[in-house]
């Protein structure tokens, strides 16, 4: 495999992966980062599926946070990577799974007059990017976007981790997705790594994530 598809989470944009793509592309890795925020899990999954279907080879498919629910429903990946992400089983959604554990994210959520939600900048920096230097965290916070009502809701219709090799990265300092919940979901994956990282290592530690992706690309495709 020489192709990677990176799938962001709620409130995020493709540009949040810029520090990783800048490290991967000079080494000859083809990187695609589709835009989500299509209004539902089904629509987000279809957007990523279209990217995967257009590729000449099976890619390594990474999902961060809510992006894990998205990649779960996508077919045709050579390998899956769940980065502090949801791994839903039959009948489960990211919302249902998140109710089972504590999260500080709600502290930062602000309701807007149009029904959308945004994240309070100062709180978002502390909750999402606490391991990053202040200027870098401010850059990431500046990219965050509003979340429309209903965005992200839904249950996957397919569960790719049941037939595709998968790696789960537990972020042990995560303030958004409880590390204990991550460990429980990680038991569904083929391989588990754990880092002493916050919720967003693609911002604060892009080299660490890049090294893992290169390792998995070199290993190639294995059955789940």
N, C-alpha and C. Protein backbone atom coordinates (compact mmCIF):
# COMPACT_ATOMS: atom_id res chain seq x y z
N UNK A 1 0.84 -1.20 0.00
CA UNK A 1 0.00 0.00 0.00
C UNK A 1 0.87 1.25 0.00
N UNK A 2 0.45 2.23 -0.82
CA UNK A 2 1.14 3.52 -0.84
C UNK A 2 0.14 4.67 -0.74
N UNK A 3 -1.09 4.36 -0.37
CA UNK A 3 -2.13 5.37 -0.34
C UNK A 3 -2.80 5.40 1.03
N UNK A 4 -3.02 6.61 1.55
CA UNK A 4 -3.65 6.79 2.85
C UNK A 4 -4.84 7.72 2.69
N UNK A 5 -5.94 7.37 3.35
CA UNK A 5 -7.11 8.24 3.42
C UNK A 5 -7.33 8.58 4.89
N UNK A 6 -7.29 9.87 5.22
CA UNK A 6 -7.41 10.34 6.60
C UNK A 6 -8.79 10.95 6.79
N UNK A 7 -9.50 10.50 7.81
CA UNK A 7 -10.89 10.92 8.04
C UNK A 7 -10.99 11.63 9.38
N UNK A 8 -11.35 12.89 9.34
CA UNK A 8 -11.38 13.72 10.54
C UNK A 8 -12.66 13.49 11.36
N UNK A 9 -12.70 14.11 12.54
CA UNK A 9 -13.85 13.98 13.42
C UNK A 9 -14.75 15.20 13.38
N UNK A 10 -15.72 15.24 14.29
CA UNK A 10 -16.65 16.35 14.37
C UNK A 10 -15.90 17.64 14.71
N UNK A 11 -16.43 18.74 14.21
CA UNK A 11 -15.88 20.09 14.37
C UNK A 11 -14.56 20.30 13.61
N UNK A 12 -13.95 19.27 13.10
CA UNK A 12 -12.65 19.39 12.46
C UNK A 12 -12.78 19.52 10.94
N UNK A 13 -11.65 19.83 10.33
CA UNK A 13 -11.56 19.99 8.88
C UNK A 13 -10.38 19.13 8.36
N UNK A 14 -10.33 18.89 7.05
CA UNK A 14 -9.18 18.18 6.49
C UNK A 14 -7.85 18.84 6.83
N UNK A 15 -7.84 20.17 6.93
CA UNK A 15 -6.59 20.89 7.18
C UNK A 15 -5.97 20.54 8.52
N UNK A 16 -6.74 19.99 9.44
CA UNK A 16 -6.16 19.58 10.73
C UNK A 16 -5.10 18.49 10.56
N UNK A 17 -5.14 17.78 9.43
CA UNK A 17 -4.14 16.73 9.16
C UNK A 17 -2.94 17.26 8.38
N UNK A 18 -2.84 18.57 8.18
CA UNK A 18 -1.80 19.12 7.31
C UNK A 18 -0.39 18.72 7.76
N UNK A 19 -0.14 18.71 9.06
CA UNK A 19 1.21 18.41 9.54
C UNK A 19 1.60 16.96 9.25
N UNK A 20 0.61 16.07 9.19
CA UNK A 20 0.88 14.67 8.85
C UNK A 20 1.07 14.51 7.35
N UNK A 21 0.21 15.14 6.56
CA UNK A 21 0.34 15.01 5.10
C UNK A 21 1.65 15.59 4.61
N UNK A 22 2.12 16.68 5.26
CA UNK A 22 3.40 17.28 4.87
C UNK A 22 4.58 16.34 5.10
N UNK A 23 4.45 15.44 6.07
CA UNK A 23 5.50 14.46 6.34
C UNK A 23 5.38 13.22 5.46
N UNK A 24 4.17 12.85 5.10
CA UNK A 24 3.96 11.62 4.33
C UNK A 24 4.24 11.80 2.84
N UNK A 25 3.80 12.90 2.27
CA UNK A 25 3.86 13.05 0.81
C UNK A 25 5.27 13.07 0.24
N UNK A 26 6.26 13.71 0.90
CA UNK A 26 7.62 13.67 0.34
C UNK A 26 8.19 12.26 0.24
N UNK A 27 7.65 11.32 1.01
CA UNK A 27 8.11 9.94 0.95
C UNK A 27 7.40 9.11 -0.10
N UNK A 28 6.58 9.77 -0.92
CA UNK A 28 5.92 9.06 -2.01
C UNK A 28 4.56 8.49 -1.65
N UNK A 29 4.03 8.85 -0.49
CA UNK A 29 2.72 8.36 -0.08
C UNK A 29 1.64 9.28 -0.64
N UNK A 30 0.65 8.71 -1.27
CA UNK A 30 -0.50 9.47 -1.76
C UNK A 30 -1.49 9.63 -0.61
N UNK A 31 -1.88 10.87 -0.32
CA UNK A 31 -2.75 11.14 0.81
C UNK A 31 -4.02 11.83 0.35
N UNK A 32 -5.16 11.33 0.83
CA UNK A 32 -6.46 11.94 0.56
C UNK A 32 -7.13 12.25 1.89
N UNK A 33 -7.71 13.44 2.00
CA UNK A 33 -8.37 13.85 3.24
C UNK A 33 -9.75 14.41 2.88
N UNK A 34 -10.77 13.57 2.80
CA UNK A 34 -12.09 14.06 2.40
C UNK A 34 -12.74 14.94 3.46
N UNK A 35 -13.59 15.84 3.00
CA UNK A 35 -14.36 16.72 3.87
C UNK A 35 -15.63 16.00 4.30
N UNK A 36 -15.90 16.00 5.60
CA UNK A 36 -17.15 15.41 6.10
C UNK A 36 -18.20 16.52 6.25
N UNK A 37 -18.94 16.51 7.35
CA UNK A 37 -19.99 17.51 7.59
C UNK A 37 -21.05 17.46 6.49
N UNK A 38 -21.44 16.24 6.09
CA UNK A 38 -22.45 16.08 5.03
C UNK A 38 -23.86 15.96 5.59
N UNK A 39 -24.00 16.00 6.93
CA UNK A 39 -25.33 16.02 7.54
C UNK A 39 -25.73 14.76 8.28
N UNK A 40 -25.05 13.65 8.03
CA UNK A 40 -25.38 12.40 8.72
C UNK A 40 -24.22 11.43 8.56
N UNK A 41 -24.22 10.39 9.38
CA UNK A 41 -23.20 9.35 9.25
C UNK A 41 -23.26 8.70 7.87
N UNK A 42 -24.47 8.41 7.40
CA UNK A 42 -24.61 7.77 6.09
C UNK A 42 -24.01 8.64 4.98
N UNK A 43 -24.25 9.94 5.04
CA UNK A 43 -23.72 10.83 4.00
C UNK A 43 -22.21 10.97 4.11
N UNK A 44 -21.69 11.06 5.34
CA UNK A 44 -20.24 11.12 5.52
C UNK A 44 -19.57 9.85 5.03
N UNK A 45 -20.18 8.70 5.34
CA UNK A 45 -19.63 7.42 4.90
C UNK A 45 -19.62 7.33 3.38
N UNK A 46 -20.68 7.80 2.74
CA UNK A 46 -20.75 7.77 1.28
C UNK A 46 -19.65 8.64 0.66
N UNK A 47 -19.35 9.78 1.30
CA UNK A 47 -18.31 10.67 0.77
C UNK A 47 -16.94 9.99 0.82
N UNK A 48 -16.65 9.29 1.92
CA UNK A 48 -15.37 8.59 2.03
C UNK A 48 -15.35 7.38 1.11
N UNK A 49 -16.48 6.67 1.01
CA UNK A 49 -16.55 5.51 0.11
C UNK A 49 -16.25 5.92 -1.32
N UNK A 50 -16.73 7.08 -1.73
CA UNK A 50 -16.47 7.55 -3.10
C UNK A 50 -14.98 7.76 -3.34
N UNK A 51 -14.28 8.27 -2.33
CA UNK A 51 -12.83 8.46 -2.46
C UNK A 51 -12.13 7.10 -2.58
N UNK A 52 -12.50 6.16 -1.72
CA UNK A 52 -11.88 4.83 -1.74
C UNK A 52 -12.16 4.12 -3.07
N UNK A 53 -13.39 4.22 -3.55
CA UNK A 53 -13.76 3.54 -4.80
C UNK A 53 -13.00 4.09 -6.00
N UNK A 54 -12.58 5.35 -5.93
CA UNK A 54 -11.89 5.97 -7.07
C UNK A 54 -10.40 5.66 -7.10
N UNK A 55 -9.88 5.01 -6.07
CA UNK A 55 -8.45 4.74 -5.99
C UNK A 55 -8.09 3.45 -6.73
N UNK A 56 -6.89 3.39 -7.30
CA UNK A 56 -6.48 2.18 -8.03
C UNK A 56 -6.05 1.04 -7.11
N UNK A 57 -5.83 1.32 -5.83
CA UNK A 57 -5.44 0.28 -4.88
C UNK A 57 -6.19 0.47 -3.58
N UNK A 58 -6.23 -0.59 -2.78
CA UNK A 58 -6.86 -0.49 -1.47
C UNK A 58 -5.99 0.38 -0.55
N UNK A 59 -6.57 1.42 0.05
CA UNK A 59 -5.76 2.31 0.87
C UNK A 59 -5.74 1.90 2.34
N UNK A 60 -4.83 2.50 3.08
CA UNK A 60 -4.90 2.50 4.52
C UNK A 60 -5.88 3.60 4.89
N UNK A 61 -6.87 3.27 5.68
CA UNK A 61 -7.95 4.19 6.01
C UNK A 61 -7.93 4.49 7.50
N UNK A 62 -7.66 5.76 7.85
CA UNK A 62 -7.59 6.17 9.25
C UNK A 62 -8.79 7.03 9.61
N UNK A 63 -9.41 6.73 10.76
CA UNK A 63 -10.50 7.54 11.26
C UNK A 63 -10.18 8.06 12.65
N UNK A 64 -10.35 9.35 12.86
CA UNK A 64 -10.12 9.96 14.17
C UNK A 64 -11.45 10.29 14.82
N UNK A 65 -11.61 9.88 16.08
CA UNK A 65 -12.79 10.20 16.88
C UNK A 65 -14.06 9.74 16.14
N UNK A 66 -14.99 10.65 15.84
CA UNK A 66 -16.19 10.27 15.08
C UNK A 66 -15.83 9.64 13.75
N UNK A 67 -14.68 10.00 13.19
CA UNK A 67 -14.25 9.40 11.92
C UNK A 67 -14.12 7.90 11.98
N UNK A 68 -13.97 7.34 13.20
CA UNK A 68 -13.95 5.89 13.33
C UNK A 68 -15.28 5.26 12.97
N UNK A 69 -16.38 5.93 13.33
CA UNK A 69 -17.70 5.42 12.93
C UNK A 69 -17.86 5.47 11.42
N UNK A 70 -17.27 6.49 10.81
CA UNK A 70 -17.34 6.62 9.35
C UNK A 70 -16.59 5.49 8.67
N UNK A 71 -15.33 5.27 9.04
CA UNK A 71 -14.54 4.24 8.35
C UNK A 71 -15.08 2.84 8.62
N UNK A 72 -15.78 2.67 9.73
CA UNK A 72 -16.39 1.37 10.02
C UNK A 72 -17.35 0.97 8.91
N UNK A 73 -18.03 1.93 8.33
CA UNK A 73 -19.01 1.62 7.30
C UNK A 73 -18.47 1.59 5.89
N UNK A 74 -17.18 1.86 5.71
CA UNK A 74 -16.58 1.92 4.37
C UNK A 74 -16.00 0.56 3.98
N UNK A 75 -16.25 0.15 2.76
CA UNK A 75 -15.72 -1.10 2.23
C UNK A 75 -14.50 -0.82 1.35
N UNK A 76 -13.59 -1.81 1.27
CA UNK A 76 -12.52 -1.72 0.29
C UNK A 76 -11.20 -1.19 0.80
N UNK A 77 -11.06 -1.01 2.11
CA UNK A 77 -9.76 -0.57 2.65
C UNK A 77 -8.83 -1.76 2.79
N UNK A 78 -7.53 -1.50 2.66
CA UNK A 78 -6.53 -2.54 2.88
C UNK A 78 -6.23 -2.73 4.35
N UNK A 79 -6.34 -1.66 5.10
CA UNK A 79 -6.15 -1.70 6.55
C UNK A 79 -6.86 -0.51 7.16
N UNK A 80 -7.33 -0.68 8.40
CA UNK A 80 -8.01 0.37 9.15
C UNK A 80 -7.14 0.81 10.31
N UNK A 81 -7.18 2.11 10.60
CA UNK A 81 -6.54 2.65 11.79
C UNK A 81 -7.57 3.50 12.53
N UNK A 82 -7.81 3.15 13.78
CA UNK A 82 -8.73 3.91 14.62
C UNK A 82 -7.88 4.73 15.60
N UNK A 83 -7.89 6.04 15.44
CA UNK A 83 -7.10 6.94 16.28
C UNK A 83 -8.02 7.61 17.29
N UNK A 84 -7.95 7.14 18.56
CA UNK A 84 -8.85 7.66 19.59
C UNK A 84 -10.26 7.77 19.02
N UNK A 85 -10.74 6.67 18.46
CA UNK A 85 -11.93 6.69 17.61
C UNK A 85 -12.98 5.69 18.06
N UNK A 86 -14.20 5.91 17.58
CA UNK A 86 -15.30 4.99 17.84
C UNK A 86 -15.21 3.79 16.92
N UNK A 87 -15.50 2.61 17.49
CA UNK A 87 -15.53 1.36 16.73
C UNK A 87 -16.90 0.72 16.98
N UNK A 88 -17.92 1.17 16.29
CA UNK A 88 -19.27 0.66 16.57
C UNK A 88 -19.46 -0.78 16.13
N UNK A 89 -20.24 -1.52 16.91
CA UNK A 89 -20.69 -2.85 16.53
C UNK A 89 -22.13 -2.71 16.02
N UNK A 90 -22.76 -3.83 15.71
CA UNK A 90 -24.11 -3.82 15.16
C UNK A 90 -25.06 -3.08 16.10
N UNK A 91 -25.79 -2.13 15.55
CA UNK A 91 -26.77 -1.39 16.33
C UNK A 91 -26.21 -0.27 17.17
N UNK A 92 -24.90 -0.08 17.17
CA UNK A 92 -24.28 0.96 17.99
C UNK A 92 -23.98 2.20 17.15
N UNK A 93 -24.03 3.35 17.80
CA UNK A 93 -23.63 4.60 17.18
C UNK A 93 -22.56 5.26 18.04
N UNK A 94 -21.90 6.27 17.51
CA UNK A 94 -20.92 7.01 18.30
C UNK A 94 -21.59 7.65 19.50
N UNK A 95 -22.80 8.14 19.32
CA UNK A 95 -23.51 8.79 20.43
C UNK A 95 -23.81 7.81 21.55
N UNK A 96 -24.25 6.61 21.19
CA UNK A 96 -24.57 5.60 22.21
C UNK A 96 -23.30 5.18 22.95
N UNK A 97 -22.21 4.95 22.22
CA UNK A 97 -20.96 4.54 22.85
C UNK A 97 -20.43 5.63 23.79
N UNK A 98 -20.56 6.89 23.38
CA UNK A 98 -20.00 7.98 24.19
C UNK A 98 -20.75 8.18 25.49
N UNK A 99 -21.99 7.74 25.56
CA UNK A 99 -22.75 7.87 26.81
C UNK A 99 -22.21 6.98 27.91
N UNK A 100 -21.40 6.00 27.52
CA UNK A 100 -20.90 5.03 28.50
C UNK A 100 -19.67 5.51 29.23
N UNK A 101 -19.19 6.73 28.94
CA UNK A 101 -17.95 7.20 29.56
C UNK A 101 -17.98 8.72 29.69
N UNK A 102 -17.16 9.22 30.58
CA UNK A 102 -17.10 10.66 30.79
C UNK A 102 -16.31 11.34 29.69
N UNK A 103 -16.64 12.61 29.45
CA UNK A 103 -15.94 13.41 28.46
C UNK A 103 -16.02 14.87 28.87
N UNK A 104 -14.95 15.59 28.63
CA UNK A 104 -14.95 17.01 28.94
C UNK A 104 -15.39 17.86 27.75
N UNK A 105 -15.67 17.22 26.62
CA UNK A 105 -15.99 18.00 25.43
C UNK A 105 -17.22 18.87 25.63
N UNK A 106 -18.22 18.36 26.35
CA UNK A 106 -19.45 19.14 26.53
C UNK A 106 -19.20 20.47 27.24
N UNK A 107 -18.12 20.55 28.01
CA UNK A 107 -17.79 21.83 28.66
C UNK A 107 -17.55 22.93 27.63
N UNK A 108 -17.06 22.55 26.47
CA UNK A 108 -16.68 23.53 25.45
C UNK A 108 -17.79 23.82 24.44
N UNK A 109 -18.83 23.00 24.40
CA UNK A 109 -19.86 23.13 23.37
C UNK A 109 -20.75 24.35 23.64
N UNK A 110 -20.96 25.15 22.60
CA UNK A 110 -21.83 26.33 22.69
C UNK A 110 -22.94 26.20 21.66
N UNK A 111 -24.18 26.39 22.09
CA UNK A 111 -25.32 26.38 21.18
C UNK A 111 -25.43 27.72 20.48
N UNK A 112 -25.61 27.69 19.16
CA UNK A 112 -25.73 28.91 18.37
C UNK A 112 -27.20 29.15 18.00
N UNK A 113 -27.57 30.39 17.68
CA UNK A 113 -28.97 30.71 17.38
C UNK A 113 -29.58 29.91 16.23
N UNK A 114 -28.75 29.50 15.28
CA UNK A 114 -29.27 28.75 14.13
C UNK A 114 -29.42 27.26 14.40
N UNK A 115 -29.16 26.83 15.64
CA UNK A 115 -29.28 25.42 15.98
C UNK A 115 -28.00 24.64 15.87
N UNK A 116 -26.96 25.24 15.31
CA UNK A 116 -25.67 24.58 15.22
C UNK A 116 -24.95 24.70 16.55
N UNK A 117 -23.81 24.03 16.68
CA UNK A 117 -22.98 24.15 17.87
C UNK A 117 -21.55 24.49 17.45
N UNK A 118 -20.86 25.20 18.32
CA UNK A 118 -19.45 25.50 18.13
C UNK A 118 -18.71 25.16 19.42
N UNK A 119 -17.40 25.26 19.40
CA UNK A 119 -16.60 24.99 20.59
C UNK A 119 -15.97 26.29 21.08
N UNK A 120 -16.05 26.52 22.39
CA UNK A 120 -15.42 27.70 22.99
C UNK A 120 -13.91 27.59 22.77
N UNK A 121 -13.28 28.61 22.17
CA UNK A 121 -11.87 28.48 21.77
C UNK A 121 -10.92 28.13 22.91
N UNK A 122 -11.02 28.82 24.03
CA UNK A 122 -10.07 28.54 25.12
C UNK A 122 -10.25 27.14 25.68
N UNK A 123 -11.50 26.73 25.84
CA UNK A 123 -11.75 25.39 26.38
C UNK A 123 -11.36 24.32 25.36
N UNK A 124 -11.61 24.59 24.10
CA UNK A 124 -11.25 23.61 23.05
C UNK A 124 -9.75 23.36 23.04
N UNK A 125 -8.97 24.43 23.21
CA UNK A 125 -7.51 24.27 23.22
C UNK A 125 -7.07 23.36 24.35
N UNK A 126 -7.67 23.52 25.51
CA UNK A 126 -7.29 22.74 26.68
C UNK A 126 -7.79 21.31 26.62
N UNK A 127 -8.90 21.09 25.95
CA UNK A 127 -9.51 19.76 25.92
C UNK A 127 -9.03 18.92 24.73
N UNK A 128 -8.86 19.56 23.59
CA UNK A 128 -8.49 18.83 22.37
C UNK A 128 -6.99 18.77 22.12
N UNK A 129 -6.27 19.82 22.52
CA UNK A 129 -4.87 19.96 22.09
C UNK A 129 -3.96 20.33 23.25
N UNK A 130 -4.20 19.76 24.43
CA UNK A 130 -3.44 20.21 25.61
C UNK A 130 -1.95 19.87 25.53
N UNK A 131 -1.55 18.94 24.67
CA UNK A 131 -0.13 18.59 24.56
C UNK A 131 0.62 19.48 23.56
N UNK A 132 -0.09 20.35 22.85
CA UNK A 132 0.53 21.19 21.83
C UNK A 132 0.94 22.54 22.42
N UNK A 133 2.05 23.13 21.94
CA UNK A 133 2.39 24.49 22.34
C UNK A 133 1.24 25.44 22.00
N UNK A 134 1.12 26.52 22.76
CA UNK A 134 -0.02 27.44 22.61
C UNK A 134 -0.22 27.93 21.16
N UNK A 135 0.83 28.33 20.44
CA UNK A 135 0.60 28.80 19.06
C UNK A 135 0.04 27.70 18.15
N UNK A 136 0.51 26.48 18.34
CA UNK A 136 0.02 25.37 17.53
C UNK A 136 -1.42 25.03 17.89
N UNK A 137 -1.74 25.02 19.18
CA UNK A 137 -3.12 24.78 19.60
C UNK A 137 -4.05 25.86 19.06
N UNK A 138 -3.58 27.11 19.07
CA UNK A 138 -4.39 28.21 18.55
C UNK A 138 -4.65 28.04 17.05
N UNK A 139 -3.63 27.57 16.32
CA UNK A 139 -3.83 27.28 14.89
C UNK A 139 -4.93 26.24 14.69
N UNK A 140 -4.88 25.15 15.48
CA UNK A 140 -5.86 24.08 15.34
C UNK A 140 -7.25 24.56 15.74
N UNK A 141 -7.34 25.33 16.81
CA UNK A 141 -8.64 25.86 17.24
C UNK A 141 -9.22 26.78 16.18
N UNK A 142 -8.35 27.57 15.53
CA UNK A 142 -8.82 28.47 14.49
C UNK A 142 -9.43 27.77 13.29
N UNK A 143 -9.08 26.51 13.10
CA UNK A 143 -9.65 25.73 11.99
C UNK A 143 -10.99 25.10 12.32
N UNK A 144 -11.32 24.97 13.59
CA UNK A 144 -12.56 24.30 13.99
C UNK A 144 -13.76 24.99 13.36
N UNK A 145 -14.76 24.20 12.99
CA UNK A 145 -15.95 24.76 12.35
C UNK A 145 -17.21 24.40 13.13
N UNK A 146 -18.28 25.09 12.82
CA UNK A 146 -19.56 24.81 13.46
C UNK A 146 -20.08 23.44 13.03
N UNK A 147 -20.85 22.83 13.92
CA UNK A 147 -21.46 21.53 13.64
C UNK A 147 -22.96 21.72 13.47
N UNK A 148 -23.48 21.40 12.30
CA UNK A 148 -24.91 21.58 12.03
C UNK A 148 -25.74 20.57 12.81
N UNK A 149 -27.01 20.89 13.09
CA UNK A 149 -27.87 19.93 13.81
C UNK A 149 -27.95 18.60 13.06
N UNK A 150 -27.82 17.52 13.80
CA UNK A 150 -27.95 16.19 13.19
C UNK A 150 -26.69 15.66 12.58
N UNK A 151 -25.64 16.49 12.45
CA UNK A 151 -24.40 16.01 11.85
C UNK A 151 -23.83 14.85 12.64
N UNK A 152 -23.41 13.82 11.94
CA UNK A 152 -22.77 12.69 12.59
C UNK A 152 -23.69 11.62 13.11
N UNK A 153 -24.98 11.84 13.07
CA UNK A 153 -25.89 10.85 13.66
C UNK A 153 -26.12 9.67 12.73
N UNK A 154 -26.27 8.50 13.31
CA UNK A 154 -26.56 7.31 12.52
C UNK A 154 -25.80 6.10 13.00
N UNK A 155 -26.19 4.95 12.50
CA UNK A 155 -25.58 3.66 12.84
C UNK A 155 -24.97 3.07 11.57
N UNK A 156 -23.73 2.61 11.61
CA UNK A 156 -23.13 2.03 10.40
C UNK A 156 -23.93 0.83 9.89
N UNK A 157 -24.01 0.72 8.57
CA UNK A 157 -24.71 -0.40 7.95
C UNK A 157 -23.78 -1.57 7.68
N UNK A 158 -22.48 -1.31 7.75
CA UNK A 158 -21.44 -2.33 7.52
C UNK A 158 -20.39 -2.15 8.61
N UNK A 159 -19.69 -3.23 8.95
CA UNK A 159 -18.71 -3.16 10.03
C UNK A 159 -17.39 -3.73 9.52
N UNK A 160 -16.61 -2.84 8.92
CA UNK A 160 -15.40 -3.24 8.20
C UNK A 160 -14.35 -3.89 9.09
N UNK A 161 -14.33 -3.54 10.38
CA UNK A 161 -13.31 -4.11 11.26
C UNK A 161 -13.50 -5.61 11.46
N UNK A 162 -14.65 -6.14 11.05
CA UNK A 162 -14.89 -7.58 11.20
C UNK A 162 -14.22 -8.41 10.11
N UNK A 163 -13.84 -7.75 9.01
CA UNK A 163 -13.20 -8.52 7.93
C UNK A 163 -11.93 -7.84 7.37
N UNK A 164 -11.46 -6.79 8.04
CA UNK A 164 -10.28 -6.07 7.60
C UNK A 164 -9.34 -5.86 8.78
N UNK A 165 -8.05 -6.08 8.58
CA UNK A 165 -7.09 -5.88 9.65
C UNK A 165 -7.16 -4.44 10.15
N UNK A 166 -7.06 -4.27 11.47
CA UNK A 166 -7.24 -2.94 12.04
C UNK A 166 -6.28 -2.71 13.21
N UNK A 167 -5.86 -1.47 13.33
CA UNK A 167 -5.01 -1.04 14.44
C UNK A 167 -5.74 0.04 15.21
N UNK A 168 -5.80 -0.11 16.53
CA UNK A 168 -6.40 0.92 17.37
C UNK A 168 -5.29 1.63 18.14
N UNK A 169 -5.32 2.96 18.09
CA UNK A 169 -4.37 3.77 18.86
C UNK A 169 -5.13 4.40 20.02
N UNK A 170 -4.83 3.92 21.23
CA UNK A 170 -5.41 4.51 22.45
C UNK A 170 -4.58 5.73 22.83
N UNK A 171 -5.23 6.85 23.02
CA UNK A 171 -4.56 8.07 23.48
C UNK A 171 -4.82 8.21 24.98
N UNK A 172 -3.79 7.90 25.76
CA UNK A 172 -3.97 7.74 27.20
C UNK A 172 -4.23 9.02 27.97
N UNK A 173 -3.97 10.21 27.35
CA UNK A 173 -4.21 11.48 28.01
C UNK A 173 -5.44 12.19 27.42
N UNK A 174 -6.27 11.44 26.74
CA UNK A 174 -7.43 11.99 26.04
C UNK A 174 -8.45 12.55 27.02
N UNK A 175 -8.91 13.79 26.77
CA UNK A 175 -9.95 14.41 27.59
C UNK A 175 -11.30 14.43 26.89
N UNK A 176 -11.34 13.91 25.66
CA UNK A 176 -12.58 13.86 24.90
C UNK A 176 -13.19 12.47 24.93
N UNK A 177 -12.41 11.49 24.54
CA UNK A 177 -12.88 10.10 24.49
C UNK A 177 -12.15 9.32 25.56
N UNK A 178 -12.88 8.95 26.59
CA UNK A 178 -12.30 8.30 27.78
C UNK A 178 -11.36 7.15 27.38
N UNK A 179 -10.12 7.17 27.85
CA UNK A 179 -9.19 6.09 27.49
C UNK A 179 -9.70 4.70 27.84
N UNK A 180 -10.48 4.57 28.93
CA UNK A 180 -11.02 3.25 29.26
C UNK A 180 -12.02 2.79 28.21
N UNK A 181 -12.84 3.69 27.70
CA UNK A 181 -13.75 3.34 26.61
C UNK A 181 -12.95 2.99 25.37
N UNK A 182 -11.89 3.74 25.10
CA UNK A 182 -11.03 3.41 23.96
C UNK A 182 -10.48 2.00 24.08
N UNK A 183 -10.03 1.64 25.26
CA UNK A 183 -9.46 0.29 25.43
C UNK A 183 -10.51 -0.79 25.21
N UNK A 184 -11.73 -0.53 25.63
CA UNK A 184 -12.79 -1.53 25.40
C UNK A 184 -13.07 -1.68 23.91
N UNK A 185 -13.13 -0.57 23.20
CA UNK A 185 -13.37 -0.65 21.75
C UNK A 185 -12.16 -1.22 21.03
N UNK A 186 -10.97 -0.95 21.54
CA UNK A 186 -9.76 -1.47 20.92
C UNK A 186 -9.72 -2.99 20.90
N UNK A 187 -10.42 -3.63 21.83
CA UNK A 187 -10.43 -5.09 21.88
C UNK A 187 -11.10 -5.69 20.64
N UNK A 188 -11.80 -4.88 19.87
CA UNK A 188 -12.43 -5.34 18.64
C UNK A 188 -11.46 -5.33 17.46
N UNK A 189 -10.29 -4.74 17.65
CA UNK A 189 -9.33 -4.57 16.55
C UNK A 189 -8.24 -5.64 16.59
N UNK A 190 -7.53 -5.75 15.47
CA UNK A 190 -6.48 -6.75 15.33
C UNK A 190 -5.26 -6.43 16.18
N UNK A 191 -4.95 -5.16 16.29
CA UNK A 191 -3.70 -4.70 16.89
C UNK A 191 -4.00 -3.45 17.70
N UNK A 192 -3.33 -3.29 18.85
CA UNK A 192 -3.57 -2.14 19.71
C UNK A 192 -2.25 -1.49 20.07
N UNK A 193 -2.19 -0.18 19.96
CA UNK A 193 -1.07 0.62 20.44
C UNK A 193 -1.62 1.60 21.47
N UNK A 194 -0.77 2.03 22.40
CA UNK A 194 -1.20 3.06 23.34
C UNK A 194 -0.11 4.11 23.46
N UNK A 195 -0.52 5.36 23.30
CA UNK A 195 0.40 6.48 23.39
C UNK A 195 0.00 7.39 24.55
N UNK A 196 0.96 8.01 25.24
CA UNK A 196 0.64 9.02 26.27
C UNK A 196 0.34 10.35 25.59
N UNK A 197 -0.76 10.39 24.86
CA UNK A 197 -1.07 11.54 24.00
C UNK A 197 -2.46 12.08 24.29
N UNK A 198 -2.69 13.33 23.85
CA UNK A 198 -4.01 13.92 23.96
C UNK A 198 -4.89 13.40 22.83
N UNK A 199 -6.06 14.00 22.66
CA UNK A 199 -7.03 13.52 21.67
C UNK A 199 -6.57 13.73 20.24
N UNK A 200 -5.57 14.58 20.03
CA UNK A 200 -5.24 15.01 18.67
C UNK A 200 -3.75 14.93 18.37
N UNK A 201 -3.15 13.76 18.37
CA UNK A 201 -1.70 13.66 18.10
C UNK A 201 -1.31 14.08 16.69
N UNK A 202 -2.26 14.16 15.77
CA UNK A 202 -1.93 14.63 14.42
C UNK A 202 -1.55 16.12 14.44
N UNK A 203 -1.92 16.83 15.51
CA UNK A 203 -1.51 18.23 15.67
C UNK A 203 -0.21 18.31 16.47
N UNK A 204 -0.20 17.70 17.66
CA UNK A 204 0.93 17.85 18.56
C UNK A 204 2.10 16.92 18.30
N UNK A 205 1.82 15.74 17.73
CA UNK A 205 2.88 14.75 17.50
C UNK A 205 2.75 14.12 16.12
N UNK A 206 2.79 14.91 15.06
CA UNK A 206 2.60 14.36 13.72
C UNK A 206 3.64 13.33 13.32
N UNK A 207 4.86 13.48 13.85
CA UNK A 207 5.91 12.52 13.52
C UNK A 207 5.59 11.14 14.05
N UNK A 208 5.01 11.07 15.23
CA UNK A 208 4.64 9.79 15.82
C UNK A 208 3.58 9.09 14.98
N UNK A 209 2.58 9.84 14.57
CA UNK A 209 1.53 9.26 13.74
C UNK A 209 2.06 8.87 12.36
N UNK A 210 2.90 9.71 11.79
CA UNK A 210 3.48 9.40 10.49
C UNK A 210 4.31 8.12 10.53
N UNK A 211 5.08 7.95 11.59
CA UNK A 211 5.89 6.75 11.73
C UNK A 211 5.01 5.49 11.77
N UNK A 212 3.89 5.57 12.50
CA UNK A 212 2.98 4.42 12.55
C UNK A 212 2.39 4.13 11.17
N UNK A 213 1.96 5.16 10.48
CA UNK A 213 1.35 4.95 9.16
C UNK A 213 2.35 4.34 8.18
N UNK A 214 3.58 4.81 8.23
CA UNK A 214 4.61 4.23 7.34
C UNK A 214 4.86 2.76 7.69
N UNK A 215 4.88 2.45 8.97
CA UNK A 215 5.07 1.06 9.39
C UNK A 215 3.95 0.17 8.85
N UNK A 216 2.72 0.64 8.97
CA UNK A 216 1.57 -0.17 8.53
C UNK A 216 1.50 -0.26 7.01
N UNK A 217 1.88 0.80 6.33
CA UNK A 217 1.93 0.75 4.87
C UNK A 217 2.95 -0.28 4.40
N UNK A 218 4.09 -0.30 5.07
CA UNK A 218 5.14 -1.25 4.69
C UNK A 218 4.71 -2.69 4.96
N UNK A 219 3.88 -2.89 6.00
CA UNK A 219 3.42 -4.25 6.33
C UNK A 219 2.42 -4.78 5.32
N UNK A 220 1.75 -3.87 4.60
CA UNK A 220 0.82 -4.29 3.58
C UNK A 220 -0.50 -4.77 4.13
N UNK A 221 -1.24 -5.49 3.31
CA UNK A 221 -2.58 -5.94 3.64
C UNK A 221 -2.54 -7.31 4.31
N UNK A 222 -3.23 -7.41 5.45
CA UNK A 222 -3.40 -8.69 6.12
C UNK A 222 -4.88 -8.90 6.41
N UNK A 223 -5.35 -10.15 6.44
CA UNK A 223 -6.76 -10.38 6.77
C UNK A 223 -7.07 -9.90 8.17
N UNK A 224 -8.35 -9.54 8.40
CA UNK A 224 -8.77 -9.11 9.73
C UNK A 224 -8.92 -10.28 10.68
